[in-house]
Amino acid sequence: MNTVTFCKRCGNVVNTEYRYCPFCGDRRKSRTMNEIIDSSLSKVKSPVTPWRLVYLGRIEKKLEKLENDLEILLTPHR
């Protein structure tokens, strides 16, 4: 039974018996699926989208209101 891995350069499935990737010609190096996923996810950064900014703004306003309410509650009355 032939085993396969993924080409490090182009990502295509390559038979482990090949010394070079038949798709891109790169010298073949074995990589497991977990290695590919880990390296891909490490490159992805969480984008700051407009809806996230709106959501964060709403949270900030709620926190400011809570802070003001706590200040009023904790301030000794004269």
C-alpha atoms as a PDB file:
ATOM      1  CA  MET A   1       0.000   0.000   0.000  1.00  0.00           C
ATOM      2  CA  ASN A   2       1.345   3.419  -0.956  1.00  0.00           C
ATOM      3  CA  THR A   3       1.258   6.175   1.607  1.00  0.00           C
ATOM      4  CA  VAL A   4       0.851   9.807   0.760  1.00  0.00           C
ATOM      5  CA  THR A   5       1.839  13.115   2.315  1.00  0.00           C
ATOM      6  CA  PHE A   6       1.362  16.734   1.396  1.00  0.00           C
ATOM      7  CA  CYS A   7       3.899  18.828  -0.500  1.00  0.00           C
ATOM      8  CA  LYS A   8       5.289  21.546   1.754  1.00  0.00           C
ATOM      9  CA  ARG A   9       5.392  24.064  -1.094  1.00  0.00           C
ATOM     10  CA  CYS A  10       2.162  23.572  -3.054  1.00  0.00           C
ATOM     11  CA  GLY A  11       0.054  21.470  -0.660  1.00  0.00           C
ATOM     12  CA  ASN A  12      -0.842  18.763  -3.173  1.00  0.00           C
ATOM     13  CA  VAL A  13      -1.035  15.111  -2.145  1.00  0.00           C
ATOM     14  CA  VAL A  14       2.183  13.317  -3.110  1.00  0.00           C
ATOM     15  CA  ASN A  15       3.155   9.645  -2.924  1.00  0.00           C
ATOM     16  CA  THR A  16       5.834   9.161  -0.255  1.00  0.00           C
ATOM     17  CA  GLU A  17       8.006   7.279  -2.741  1.00  0.00           C
ATOM     18  CA  TYR A  18       8.544  10.434  -4.832  1.00  0.00           C
ATOM     19  CA  ARG A  19      11.674  12.451  -4.132  1.00  0.00           C
ATOM     20  CA  TYR A  20      10.248  15.531  -5.886  1.00  0.00           C
ATOM     21  CA  CYS A  21       6.713  16.862  -6.069  1.00  0.00           C
ATOM     22  CA  PRO A  22       5.229  16.065  -9.499  1.00  0.00           C
ATOM     23  CA  PHE A  23       3.141  19.258  -9.321  1.00  0.00           C
ATOM     24  CA  CYS A  24       5.680  21.942  -8.420  1.00  0.00           C
ATOM     25  CA  GLY A  25       9.039  20.142  -8.600  1.00  0.00           C
ATOM     26  CA  ASP A  26      10.020  21.012  -5.027  1.00  0.00           C
ATOM     27  CA  ARG A  27      12.144  18.499  -3.155  1.00  0.00           C
ATOM     28  CA  ARG A  28       9.618  16.560  -1.159  1.00  0.00           C
ATOM     29  CA  LYS A  29       9.524  16.712   2.621  1.00  0.00           C
ATOM     30  CA  SER A  30       7.009  14.745   4.647  1.00  0.00           C
ATOM     31  CA  ARG A  31       4.434  16.722   6.571  1.00  0.00           C
ATOM     32  CA  THR A  32       1.502  15.399   8.506  1.00  0.00           C
ATOM     33  CA  MET A  33      -1.938  16.955   8.269  1.00  0.00           C
ATOM     34  CA  ASN A  34      -1.559  18.308  11.828  1.00  0.00           C
ATOM     35  CA  GLU A  35       1.667  20.103  10.871  1.00  0.00           C
ATOM     36  CA  ILE A  36      -0.055  21.685   7.878  1.00  0.00           C
ATOM     37  CA  ILE A  37      -3.050  22.798   9.947  1.00  0.00           C
ATOM     38  CA  ASP A  38      -0.856  24.169  12.734  1.00  0.00           C
ATOM     39  CA  SER A  39       1.332  26.148  10.351  1.00  0.00           C
ATOM     40  CA  SER A  40      -1.706  27.485   8.488  1.00  0.00           C
ATOM     41  CA  LEU A  41      -3.507  28.549  11.659  1.00  0.00           C
ATOM     42  CA  SER A  42      -0.418  30.262  13.021  1.00  0.00           C
ATOM     43  CA  LYS A  43      -0.411  32.524   9.948  1.00  0.00           C
ATOM     44  CA  VAL A  44      -4.064  33.501  10.331  1.00  0.00           C
ATOM     45  CA  LYS A  45      -4.698  36.608  12.385  1.00  0.00           C
ATOM     46  CA  SER A  46      -8.084  37.572  13.676  1.00  0.00           C
ATOM     47  CA  PRO A  47      -9.227  40.458  11.488  1.00  0.00           C
ATOM     48  CA  VAL A  48     -10.817  43.480  13.091  1.00  0.00           C
ATOM     49  CA  THR A  49     -14.012  43.879  11.137  1.00  0.00           C
ATOM     50  CA  PRO A  50     -16.388  46.860  11.371  1.00  0.00           C
ATOM     51  CA  TRP A  51     -19.043  44.847  13.223  1.00  0.00           C
ATOM     52  CA  ARG A  52     -16.431  43.850  15.814  1.00  0.00           C
ATOM     53  CA  LEU A  53     -15.577  47.491  16.381  1.00  0.00           C
ATOM     54  CA  VAL A  54     -19.266  48.314  16.861  1.00  0.00           C
ATOM     55  CA  TYR A  55     -19.630  45.399  19.274  1.00  0.00           C
ATOM     56  CA  LEU A  56     -16.535  46.449  21.237  1.00  0.00           C
ATOM     57  CA  GLY A  57     -17.854  50.019  21.373  1.00  0.00           C
ATOM     58  CA  ARG A  58     -21.133  48.808  22.870  1.00  0.00           C
ATOM     59  CA  ILE A  59     -19.300  46.731  25.464  1.00  0.00           C
ATOM     60  CA  GLU A  60     -17.115  49.717  26.338  1.00  0.00           C
ATOM     61  CA  LYS A  61     -20.202  51.922  26.912  1.00  0.00           C
ATOM     62  CA  LYS A  62     -21.808  49.264  29.137  1.00  0.00           C
ATOM     63  CA  LEU A  63     -18.612  48.931  31.170  1.00  0.00           C
ATOM     64  CA  GLU A  64     -18.382  52.712  31.598  1.00  0.00           C
ATOM     65  CA  LYS A  65     -21.993  52.796  32.832  1.00  0.00           C
ATOM     66  CA  LEU A  66     -21.300  49.965  35.275  1.00  0.00           C
ATOM     67  CA  GLU A  67     -18.203  51.765  36.507  1.00  0.00           C
ATOM     68  CA  ASN A  68     -20.222  54.951  37.115  1.00  0.00           C
ATOM     69  CA  ASP A  69     -22.974  52.993  38.898  1.00  0.00           C
ATOM     70  CA  LEU A  70     -20.406  51.281  41.133  1.00  0.00           C
ATOM     71  CA  GLU A  71     -18.767  54.591  41.938  1.00  0.00           C
ATOM     72  CA  ILE A  72     -22.124  56.033  43.001  1.00  0.00           C
ATOM     73  CA  LEU A  73     -22.893  52.960  45.139  1.00  0.00           C
ATOM     74  CA  LEU A  74     -19.486  52.907  46.802  1.00  0.00           C
ATOM     75  CA  THR A  75     -19.224  56.644  47.463  1.00  0.00           C
ATOM     76  CA  PRO A  76     -20.128  57.405  51.085  1.00  0.00           C
ATOM     77  CA  HIS A  77     -23.162  59.631  51.352  1.00  0.00           C
ATOM     78  CA  ARG A  78     -22.816  62.811  53.473  1.00  0.00           C
END
